C-alpha atoms as a PDB file:
ATOM      1  CA  CYS A   1      74.442 140.155 108.387  1.00  0.00           C
ATOM      2  CA  GLN A   2      71.043 139.129 107.033  1.00  0.00           C
ATOM      3  CA  LEU A   3      69.841 138.962 110.498  1.00  0.00           C
ATOM      4  CA  LYS A   4      70.944 142.401 111.411  1.00  0.00           C
ATOM      5  CA  TYR A   5      70.162 144.064 108.033  1.00  0.00           C
ATOM      6  CA  GLY A   6      67.566 142.113 106.388  1.00  0.00           C
ATOM      7  CA  ARG A   7      67.942 140.259 103.136  1.00  0.00           C
ATOM      8  CA  LEU A   8      70.546 140.570 100.672  1.00  0.00           C
ATOM      9  CA  MET A   9      70.248 143.512  98.105  1.00  0.00           C
ATOM     10  CA  GLY A  10      70.783 143.207  94.444  1.00  0.00           C
ATOM     11  CA  PRO A  11      72.525 145.607  92.289  1.00  0.00           C
ATOM     12  CA  THR A  12      69.203 147.234  91.275  1.00  0.00           C
ATOM     13  CA  GLY A  13      68.603 148.140  95.138  1.00  0.00           C
ATOM     14  CA  ARG A  14      65.683 145.399  95.282  1.00  0.00           C
ATOM     15  CA  PHE A  15      65.812 142.384  97.452  1.00  0.00           C
ATOM     16  CA  VAL A  16      67.566 139.273  95.806  1.00  0.00           C
ATOM     17  CA  SER A  17      64.659 136.874  95.526  1.00  0.00           C
ATOM     18  CA  MET A  18      65.082 133.830  93.196  1.00  0.00           C
ATOM     19  CA  GLU A  19      62.541 131.522  91.860  1.00  0.00           C
ATOM     20  CA  HIS A  20      64.473 128.167  92.164  1.00  0.00           C
ATOM     21  CA  ILE A  21      68.062 127.724  94.164  1.00  0.00           C
ATOM     22  CA  ILE A  22      69.965 124.923  92.931  1.00  0.00           C
ATOM     23  CA  VAL A  23      73.183 124.216  94.729  1.00  0.00           C
ATOM     24  CA  ASP A  24      75.779 121.767  93.195  1.00  0.00           C
ATOM     25  CA  GLU A  25      78.679 120.314  95.120  1.00  0.00           C
ATOM     26  CA  ALA A  26      76.708 120.873  98.304  1.00  0.00           C
ATOM     27  CA  GLN A  27      78.851 118.436 100.359  1.00  0.00           C
ATOM     28  CA  ASP A  28      81.861 121.021 100.152  1.00  0.00           C
ATOM     29  CA  LEU A  29      79.951 124.133 101.580  1.00  0.00           C
ATOM     30  CA  SER A  30      79.651 124.918 105.070  1.00  0.00           C
ATOM     31  CA  PRO A  31      75.908 125.039 106.717  1.00  0.00           C
ATOM     32  CA  LEU A  32      76.351 128.685 106.745  1.00  0.00           C
ATOM     33  CA  SER A  33      77.131 129.023 103.261  1.00  0.00           C
ATOM     34  CA  ILE A  34      73.936 126.606 101.836  1.00  0.00           C
ATOM     35  CA  LYS A  35      71.614 128.916 104.167  1.00  0.00           C
ATOM     36  CA  VAL A  36      72.529 132.092 103.061  1.00  0.00           C
ATOM     37  CA  LEU A  37      72.306 130.816  99.315  1.00  0.00           C
ATOM     38  CA  CYS A  38      68.841 129.111  99.996  1.00  0.00           C
ATOM     39  CA  GLU A  39      67.325 131.695 101.739  1.00  0.00           C
ATOM     40  CA  THR A  40      67.619 134.211  98.653  1.00  0.00           C
ATOM     41  CA  ALA A  41      64.902 132.294  97.121  1.00  0.00           C
ATOM     42  CA  ARG A  42      61.609 133.973  97.670  1.00  0.00           C
ATOM     43  CA  PRO A  43      59.291 132.473 100.292  1.00  0.00           C
ATOM     44  CA  GLY A  44      57.722 128.908  99.450  1.00  0.00           C
ATOM     45  CA  ALA A  45      60.169 128.808  96.389  1.00  0.00           C
ATOM     46  CA  PRO A  46      61.934 125.558  95.691  1.00  0.00           C
ATOM     47  CA  VAL A  47      65.230 124.672  96.558  1.00  0.00           C
ATOM     48  CA  THR A  48      67.427 121.640  95.492  1.00  0.00           C
ATOM     49  CA  LEU A  49      70.714 120.485  96.892  1.00  0.00           C
ATOM     50  CA  ALA A  50      72.958 117.965  94.801  1.00  0.00           C
ATOM     51  CA  GLY A  51      76.294 116.313  95.999  1.00  0.00           C
ATOM     52  CA  ASP A  52      77.621 112.908  97.384  1.00  0.00           C
ATOM     53  CA  THR A  53      79.125 113.406 100.811  1.00  0.00           C
ATOM     54  CA  ALA A  54      81.379 110.550  99.796  1.00  0.00           C
ATOM     55  CA  GLN A  55      83.071 113.109  97.648  1.00  0.00           C
ATOM     56  CA  ARG A  56      83.735 115.390 100.169  1.00  0.00           C
ATOM     57  CA  LEU A  57      87.104 117.203 100.229  1.00  0.00           C
ATOM     58  CA  TYR A  58      86.885 119.266 103.420  1.00  0.00           C
ATOM     59  CA  LEU A  59      85.604 117.836 106.517  1.00  0.00           C
ATOM     60  CA  ASP A  60      85.445 121.008 108.806  1.00  0.00           C
ATOM     61  CA  GLY A  61      82.043 122.103 106.874  1.00  0.00           C
ATOM     62  CA  GLY A  62      79.849 120.831 109.965  1.00  0.00           C
ATOM     63  CA  PHE A  63      77.752 118.015 108.635  1.00  0.00           C
ATOM     64  CA  GLY A  64      78.425 114.897 107.152  1.00  0.00           C
ATOM     65  CA  ASP A  65      74.543 113.845 106.505  1.00  0.00           C
ATOM     66  CA  TRP A  66      72.108 115.674 104.706  1.00  0.00           C
ATOM     67  CA  ASP A  67      69.029 114.800 107.067  1.00  0.00           C
ATOM     68  CA  ALA A  68      71.147 116.369 109.958  1.00  0.00           C
ATOM     69  CA  LEU A  69      71.984 119.606 107.736  1.00  0.00           C
ATOM     70  CA  ILE A  70      68.544 120.053 106.759  1.00  0.00           C
ATOM     71  CA  ARG A  71      67.458 119.754 110.575  1.00  0.00           C
ATOM     72  CA  ASP A  72      70.220 121.914 111.832  1.00  0.00           C
ATOM     73  CA  ILE A  73      69.787 124.967 109.469  1.00  0.00           C
ATOM     74  CA  GLU A  74      65.801 124.771 109.465  1.00  0.00           C
ATOM     75  CA  LEU A  75      65.520 124.478 105.753  1.00  0.00           C
ATOM     76  CA  ARG A  76      63.010 123.097 103.296  1.00  0.00           C
ATOM     77  CA  ALA A  77      64.787 121.719 100.388  1.00  0.00           C
ATOM     78  CA  GLN A  78      65.012 118.694  97.927  1.00  0.00           C
ATOM     79  CA  ILE A  79      68.020 116.359  98.317  1.00  0.00           C
ATOM     80  CA  LEU A  80      69.022 114.754  95.132  1.00  0.00           C
ATOM     81  CA  PRO A  81      70.125 111.407  95.889  1.00  0.00           C
ATOM     82  CA  PRO A  82      73.391 109.943  94.920  1.00  0.00           C
ATOM     83  CA  LEU A  83      73.570 108.145  91.135  1.00  0.00           C
ATOM     84  CA  ALA A  84      72.739 104.362  91.431  1.00  0.00           C
ATOM     85  CA  VAL A  85      74.735 103.882  88.149  1.00  0.00           C
ATOM     86  CA  SER A  86      78.385 104.704  87.851  1.00  0.00           C
ATOM     87  CA  TYR A  87      79.326 106.134  84.565  1.00  0.00           C
ATOM     88  CA  ARG A  88      82.466 107.890  84.823  1.00  0.00           C
ATOM     89  CA  SER A  89      84.704 105.082  86.211  1.00  0.00           C
ATOM     90  CA  THR A  90      85.214 101.396  85.175  1.00  0.00           C
ATOM     91  CA  ARG A  91      84.164  98.689  87.557  1.00  0.00           C
ATOM     92  CA  GLN A  92      87.736  97.688  88.623  1.00  0.00           C
ATOM     93  CA  VAL A  93      88.342 101.667  89.696  1.00  0.00           C
ATOM     94  CA  MET A  94      85.071 101.777  91.577  1.00  0.00           C
ATOM     95  CA  GLU A  95      85.958  98.711  93.392  1.00  0.00           C
ATOM     96  CA  LEU A  96      88.936  99.869  94.828  1.00  0.00           C
ATOM     97  CA  ALA A  97      87.237 103.230  95.451  1.00  0.00           C
ATOM     98  CA  ARG A  98      84.800 101.750  97.401  1.00  0.00           C
ATOM     99  CA  HIS A  99      86.928  99.584  99.258  1.00  0.00           C
ATOM    100  CA  VAL A 100      89.120 102.693 100.424  1.00  0.00           C
ATOM    101  CA  LEU A 101      85.708 104.301 101.451  1.00  0.00           C
ATOM    102  CA  GLY A 102      84.735 101.550 103.764  1.00  0.00           C
ATOM    103  CA  ASP A 103      82.103 102.094 105.867  1.00  0.00           C
ATOM    104  CA  LEU A 104      81.713 105.927 104.826  1.00  0.00           C
ATOM    105  CA  ALA A 105      80.028 105.007 101.947  1.00  0.00           C
ATOM    106  CA  HIS A 106      76.573 105.560 101.270  1.00  0.00           C
ATOM    107  CA  ASP A 107      73.974 103.151 101.495  1.00  0.00           C
ATOM    108  CA  VAL A 108      72.622 103.255  97.823  1.00  0.00           C
ATOM    109  CA  GLU A 109      73.906 100.198  96.201  1.00  0.00           C
ATOM    110  CA  VAL A 110      75.610 101.454  92.716  1.00  0.00           C
ATOM    111  CA  ARG A 111      76.023  99.403  89.430  1.00  0.00           C
ATOM    112  CA  ASP A 112      79.008  99.878  87.648  1.00  0.00           C
ATOM    113  CA  ALA A 113      78.305 100.560  83.816  1.00  0.00           C
ATOM    114  CA  ARG A 114      81.345  98.901  82.360  1.00  0.00           C
ATOM    115  CA  ASP A 115      84.446  96.778  82.889  1.00  0.00           C
ATOM    116  CA  GLY A 116      88.118  98.197  82.025  1.00  0.00           C
ATOM    117  CA  ALA A 117      91.834  97.424  83.156  1.00  0.00           C
ATOM    118  CA  PRO A 118      92.882  95.921  86.135  1.00  0.00           C
ATOM    119  CA  VAL A 119      93.905  98.713  88.745  1.00  0.00           C
ATOM    120  CA  GLU A 120      97.808  98.891  88.896  1.00  0.00           C
ATOM    121  CA  LEU A 121      99.913  99.392  91.944  1.00  0.00           C
ATOM    122  CA  ILE A 122     103.869  99.848  91.291  1.00  0.00           C
ATOM    123  CA  LEU A 123     106.110  99.865  94.050  1.00  0.00           C
ATOM    124  CA  TYR A 124     109.956 101.283  94.033  1.00  0.00           C
ATOM    125  CA  GLN A 125     112.481 101.545  96.728  1.00  0.00           C
ATOM    126  CA  GLU A 126     113.193 105.083  95.745  1.00  0.00           C
ATOM    127  CA  THR A 127     111.644 108.080  94.226  1.00  0.00           C
ATOM    128  CA  GLY A 128     114.340 108.241  91.600  1.00  0.00           C
ATOM    129  CA  GLU A 129     113.432 104.764  90.173  1.00  0.00           C
ATOM    130  CA  ALA A 130     109.711 105.645  90.122  1.00  0.00           C
ATOM    131  CA  VAL A 131     110.503 108.730  88.253  1.00  0.00           C
ATOM    132  CA  ALA A 132     112.405 106.937  85.938  1.00  0.00           C
ATOM    133  CA  PHE A 133     109.676 104.324  85.344  1.00  0.00           C
ATOM    134  CA  LEU A 134     106.938 106.846  85.084  1.00  0.00           C
ATOM    135  CA  ALA A 135     108.782 108.920  82.478  1.00  0.00           C
ATOM    136  CA  ASP A 136     109.207 105.993  80.199  1.00  0.00           C
ATOM    137  CA  ALA A 137     105.694 104.992  80.616  1.00  0.00           C
ATOM    138  CA  LEU A 138     104.279 108.563  79.878  1.00  0.00           C
ATOM    139  CA  LYS A 139     106.401 108.972  76.840  1.00  0.00           C
ATOM    140  CA  SER A 140     105.532 105.304  75.505  1.00  0.00           C
ATOM    141  CA  LEU A 141     101.730 106.251  76.306  1.00  0.00           C
ATOM    142  CA  TRP A 142     102.057 109.736  74.507  1.00  0.00           C
ATOM    143  CA  SER A 143     103.490 108.403  71.305  1.00  0.00           C
ATOM    144  CA  ARG A 144     100.486 106.140  71.075  1.00  0.00           C
ATOM    145  CA  GLU A 145      97.716 108.047  72.178  1.00  0.00           C
ATOM    146  CA  ARG A 146      98.371 111.984  71.729  1.00  0.00           C
ATOM    147  CA  LEU A 147      94.625 112.826  72.339  1.00  0.00           C
ATOM    148  CA  SER A 148      94.509 111.322  75.756  1.00  0.00           C
ATOM    149  CA  SER A 149      94.121 113.119  78.757  1.00  0.00           C
ATOM    150  CA  VAL A 150      96.360 112.039  81.845  1.00  0.00           C
ATOM    151  CA  ALA A 151      96.454 113.333  85.353  1.00  0.00           C
ATOM    152  CA  LEU A 152      99.453 112.636  87.698  1.00  0.00           C
ATOM    153  CA  VAL A 153      97.760 113.578  91.415  1.00  0.00           C
ATOM    154  CA  ALA A 154      99.353 114.113  94.489  1.00  0.00           C
ATOM    155  CA  ARG A 155      98.128 114.558  98.108  1.00  0.00           C
ATOM    156  CA  ASN A 156      99.947 117.899  98.108  1.00  0.00           C
ATOM    157  CA  MET A 157     101.587 120.455  95.875  1.00  0.00           C
ATOM    158  CA  GLY A 158     104.611 119.689  97.396  1.00  0.00           C
ATOM    159  CA  VAL A 159     104.895 116.028  96.079  1.00  0.00           C
ATOM    160  CA  ALA A 160     103.219 117.342  92.817  1.00  0.00           C
ATOM    161  CA  THR A 161     105.927 120.028  92.042  1.00  0.00           C
ATOM    162  CA  MET A 162     108.818 117.474  92.810  1.00  0.00           C
ATOM    163  CA  TYR A 163     107.518 115.096  90.252  1.00  0.00           C
ATOM    164  CA  TYR A 164     106.952 117.915  87.682  1.00  0.00           C
ATOM    165  CA  ASN A 165     110.488 119.065  87.809  1.00  0.00           C
ATOM    166  CA  THR A 166     111.952 115.909  87.565  1.00  0.00           C
ATOM    167  CA  LEU A 167     109.543 114.584  84.471  1.00  0.00           C
ATOM    168  CA  ARG A 168     110.183 117.846  82.872  1.00  0.00           C
ATOM    169  CA  ARG A 169     114.042 117.507  83.242  1.00  0.00           C
ATOM    170  CA  ALA A 170     113.340 113.830  81.731  1.00  0.00           C
ATOM    171  CA  GLU A 171     111.924 115.571  78.595  1.00  0.00           C
ATOM    172  CA  VAL A 172     108.426 114.061  79.009  1.00  0.00           C
ATOM    173  CA  PRO A 173     106.184 116.281  76.467  1.00  0.00           C
ATOM    174  CA  ASP A 174     103.050 118.199  77.114  1.00  0.00           C
ATOM    175  CA  LEU A 175     103.432 118.196  80.843  1.00  0.00           C
ATOM    176  CA  ARG A 176     101.681 121.023  82.609  1.00  0.00           C
ATOM    177  CA  LEU A 177     101.805 121.836  86.522  1.00  0.00           C
ATOM    178  CA  ILE A 178      97.957 122.884  87.721  1.00  0.00           C
ATOM    179  CA  GLN A 179      98.269 124.987  90.796  1.00  0.00           C
ATOM    180  CA  LYS A 180      95.343 127.184  90.724  1.00  0.00           C
ATOM    181  CA  GLN A 181      92.895 125.207  88.711  1.00  0.00           C
ATOM    182  CA  ASP A 182      94.302 126.915  85.519  1.00  0.00           C
ATOM    183  CA  PHE A 183      93.411 124.093  83.542  1.00  0.00           C
ATOM    184  CA  ASP A 184      93.115 124.301  79.724  1.00  0.00           C
ATOM    185  CA  PHE A 185      91.086 120.829  79.158  1.00  0.00           C
ATOM    186  CA  SER A 186      93.397 119.989  76.047  1.00  0.00           C
ATOM    187  CA  PRO A 187      95.123 116.905  75.936  1.00  0.00           C
ATOM    188  CA  GLY A 188      98.429 116.415  77.700  1.00  0.00           C
ATOM    189  CA  ILE A 189      99.454 115.819  81.130  1.00  0.00           C
ATOM    190  CA  ASP A 190      98.855 117.447  84.108  1.00  0.00           C
ATOM    191  CA  VAL A 191     100.454 117.112  87.422  1.00  0.00           C
ATOM    192  CA  THR A 192      98.444 118.642  90.495  1.00  0.00           C
ATOM    193  CA  ASP A 193      96.870 117.739  93.936  1.00  0.00           C
ATOM    194  CA  ILE A 194      93.590 116.173  94.767  1.00  0.00           C
ATOM    195  CA  TYR A 195      92.298 119.770  95.530  1.00  0.00           C
ATOM    196  CA  GLN A 196      92.558 120.826  92.059  1.00  0.00           C
ATOM    197  CA  ILE A 197      90.974 117.991  90.335  1.00  0.00           C
ATOM    198  CA  LYS A 198      87.502 117.796  92.226  1.00  0.00           C
ATOM    199  CA  GLY A 199      84.787 117.135  89.267  1.00  0.00           C
ATOM    200  CA  LEU A 200      86.977 116.713  86.695  1.00  0.00           C
ATOM    201  CA  GLU A 201      87.360 113.274  84.508  1.00  0.00           C
ATOM    202  CA  TYR A 202      90.746 112.096  82.932  1.00  0.00           C
ATOM    203  CA  ASP A 203      91.305 108.800  80.875  1.00  0.00           C
ATOM    204  CA  TYR A 204      94.119 108.171  82.875  1.00  0.00           C
ATOM    205  CA  ILE A 205      94.960 108.817  86.498  1.00  0.00           C
ATOM    206  CA  ILE A 206      98.238 108.258  88.130  1.00  0.00           C
ATOM    207  CA  LEU A 207      98.125 108.574  91.946  1.00  0.00           C
ATOM    208  CA  LEU A 208     101.347 109.730  93.008  1.00  0.00           C
ATOM    209  CA  GLU A 209     102.786 108.154  96.424  1.00  0.00           C
ATOM    210  CA  PRO A 210      99.812 106.890  97.887  1.00  0.00           C
ATOM    211  CA  THR A 211     101.624 105.787 100.969  1.00  0.00           C
ATOM    212  CA  ALA A 212     100.980 105.418 104.485  1.00  0.00           C
ATOM    213  CA  THR A 213     102.589 109.055 105.261  1.00  0.00           C
ATOM    214  CA  HIS A 214     100.258 110.679 102.817  1.00  0.00           C
ATOM    215  CA  TYR A 215      97.158 108.678 103.554  1.00  0.00           C
ATOM    216  CA  PRO A 216      97.211 107.041 106.867  1.00  0.00           C
ATOM    217  CA  ASP A 217      93.844 105.468 108.294  1.00  0.00           C
ATOM    218  CA  THR A 218      91.937 108.461 108.899  1.00  0.00           C
ATOM    219  CA  THR A 219      88.383 109.667 107.521  1.00  0.00           C
ATOM    220  CA  GLU A 220      89.943 112.412 105.521  1.00  0.00           C
ATOM    221  CA  ALA A 221      92.498 110.277 103.809  1.00  0.00           C
ATOM    222  CA  ARG A 222      89.640 107.699 102.738  1.00  0.00           C
ATOM    223  CA  HIS A 223      87.509 110.657 101.281  1.00  0.00           C
ATOM    224  CA  LEU A 224      90.651 112.260  99.291  1.00  0.00           C
ATOM    225  CA  LEU A 225      91.666 108.779  98.023  1.00  0.00           C
ATOM    226  CA  HIS A 226      88.454 108.212  96.990  1.00  0.00           C
ATOM    227  CA  VAL A 227      87.851 111.392  95.008  1.00  0.00           C
ATOM    228  CA  ALA A 228      90.973 111.219  93.129  1.00  0.00           C
ATOM    229  CA  MET A 229      90.674 107.390  92.200  1.00  0.00           C
ATOM    230  CA  THR A 230      87.088 108.228  90.864  1.00  0.00           C
ATOM    231  CA  ARG A 231      88.459 110.906  88.425  1.00  0.00           C
ATOM    232  CA  ALA A 232      89.811 107.976  86.163  1.00  0.00           C
ATOM    233  CA  ALA A 233      87.886 107.214  83.278  1.00  0.00           C
ATOM    234  CA  HIS A 234      89.527 104.049  81.775  1.00  0.00           C
ATOM    235  CA  GLN A 235      92.490 103.323  83.782  1.00  0.00           C
ATOM    236  CA  LEU A 236      93.981 104.172  87.334  1.00  0.00           C
ATOM    237  CA  TRP A 237      97.821 103.294  88.321  1.00  0.00           C
ATOM    238  CA  LEU A 238      99.107 103.924  91.833  1.00  0.00           C
ATOM    239  CA  LEU A 239     102.853 104.644  91.922  1.00  0.00           C
ATOM    240  CA  CYS A 240     104.548 104.336  95.510  1.00  0.00           C
ATOM    241  CA  SER A 241     108.286 104.795  96.593  1.00  0.00           C
ATOM    242  CA  ASP A 242     107.376 104.261 100.146  1.00  0.00           C
ATOM    243  CA  THR A 243     105.105 101.945 102.494  1.00  0.00           C
ATOM    244  CA  PRO A 244     101.550 101.721 100.635  1.00  0.00           C
ATOM    245  CA  SER A 245      98.932 103.170 102.282  1.00  0.00           C
ATOM    246  CA  PRO A 246      96.996 100.899 104.970  1.00  0.00           C
ATOM    247  CA  LEU A 247      93.665 101.850 102.987  1.00  0.00           C
ATOM    248  CA  LEU A 248      94.875  99.757 100.141  1.00  0.00           C
ATOM    249  CA  PRO A 249      93.558  96.174 100.033  1.00  0.00           C
ATOM    250  CA  ASN A 250      96.185  93.646 101.024  1.00  0.00           C
ATOM    251  CA  SER A 251      95.641  91.757  97.782  1.00  0.00           C
ATOM    252  CA  LEU A 252      96.547  94.717  95.782  1.00  0.00           C
ATOM    253  CA  ILE A 253      99.505  95.313  97.927  1.00  0.00           C
ATOM    254  CA  GLN A 254     100.963  91.642  97.864  1.00  0.00           C
ATOM    255  CA  ALA A 255     100.355  91.433  93.974  1.00  0.00           C
ATOM    256  CA  ALA A 256     102.557  94.504  93.571  1.00  0.00           C
ATOM    257  CA  GLY A 257     105.150  93.267  96.034  1.00  0.00           C
ATOM    258  CA  ASN A 258     105.606  89.978  94.057  1.00  0.00           C
ATOM    259  CA  LYS A 259     106.109  91.816  90.963  1.00  0.00           C
ATOM    260  CA  THR A 260     108.620  93.907  92.248  1.00  0.00           C
ATOM    261  CA  GLY A 261     110.351  91.119  93.431  1.00  0.00           C
ATOM    262  CA  SER A 262     110.547  89.199  90.316  1.00  0.00           C
ATOM    263  CA  GLN A 263     111.993  92.308  88.514  1.00  0.00           C
END
């Protein structure tokens, strides 16, 4: 439309002409969207792109490398580098998240700011057992930490809804099903999928069914698991009632299997 009719018009009838364009979370926008946004800047005005390609949720945007994007859309822009210090999540969470990402991680060496509790993988033979355990654990947590924020995160809304319904029947308090990013950011237990929680932070993250079915060894699954894991500020649990994802380290799976066998 801009090529055919000229630059975008604002509500006053004048051309849209910004003094500085800053695009956050740019890794999840298409090159065309980024180009349209950035070309609303006046000629010669600064343009800044911020985002982490490791945190991509959508892989059909058309680029995976900032230099290639800038070259392909013929854009002059400043690219903000990824943070060199990880502040949100603990070292234990970030080590697992980087393992999952593998060679898709960027080259910047990141320092983890703090230690925390070990990541727990919990294995069960069937979903009913997993739900029963989770209901007891959440009730116990909620009795001790009423102001904490907890997210139960599934690969898709079908799994999230199933867990929500069963946990609600188990009378887990302050349970909320988040389907259209209708967060109220108050203490409680949000049950949702990965696509809803991008950019958010929770005290506790519980990944629901990080199994081989939901997270096979694909580029998309690596990015999604990485995004979900790095939402955890203090502690991360992984709850499986089927074969764990091959993206998880063997040491974590073996340790969980040993605990299951001893119960």
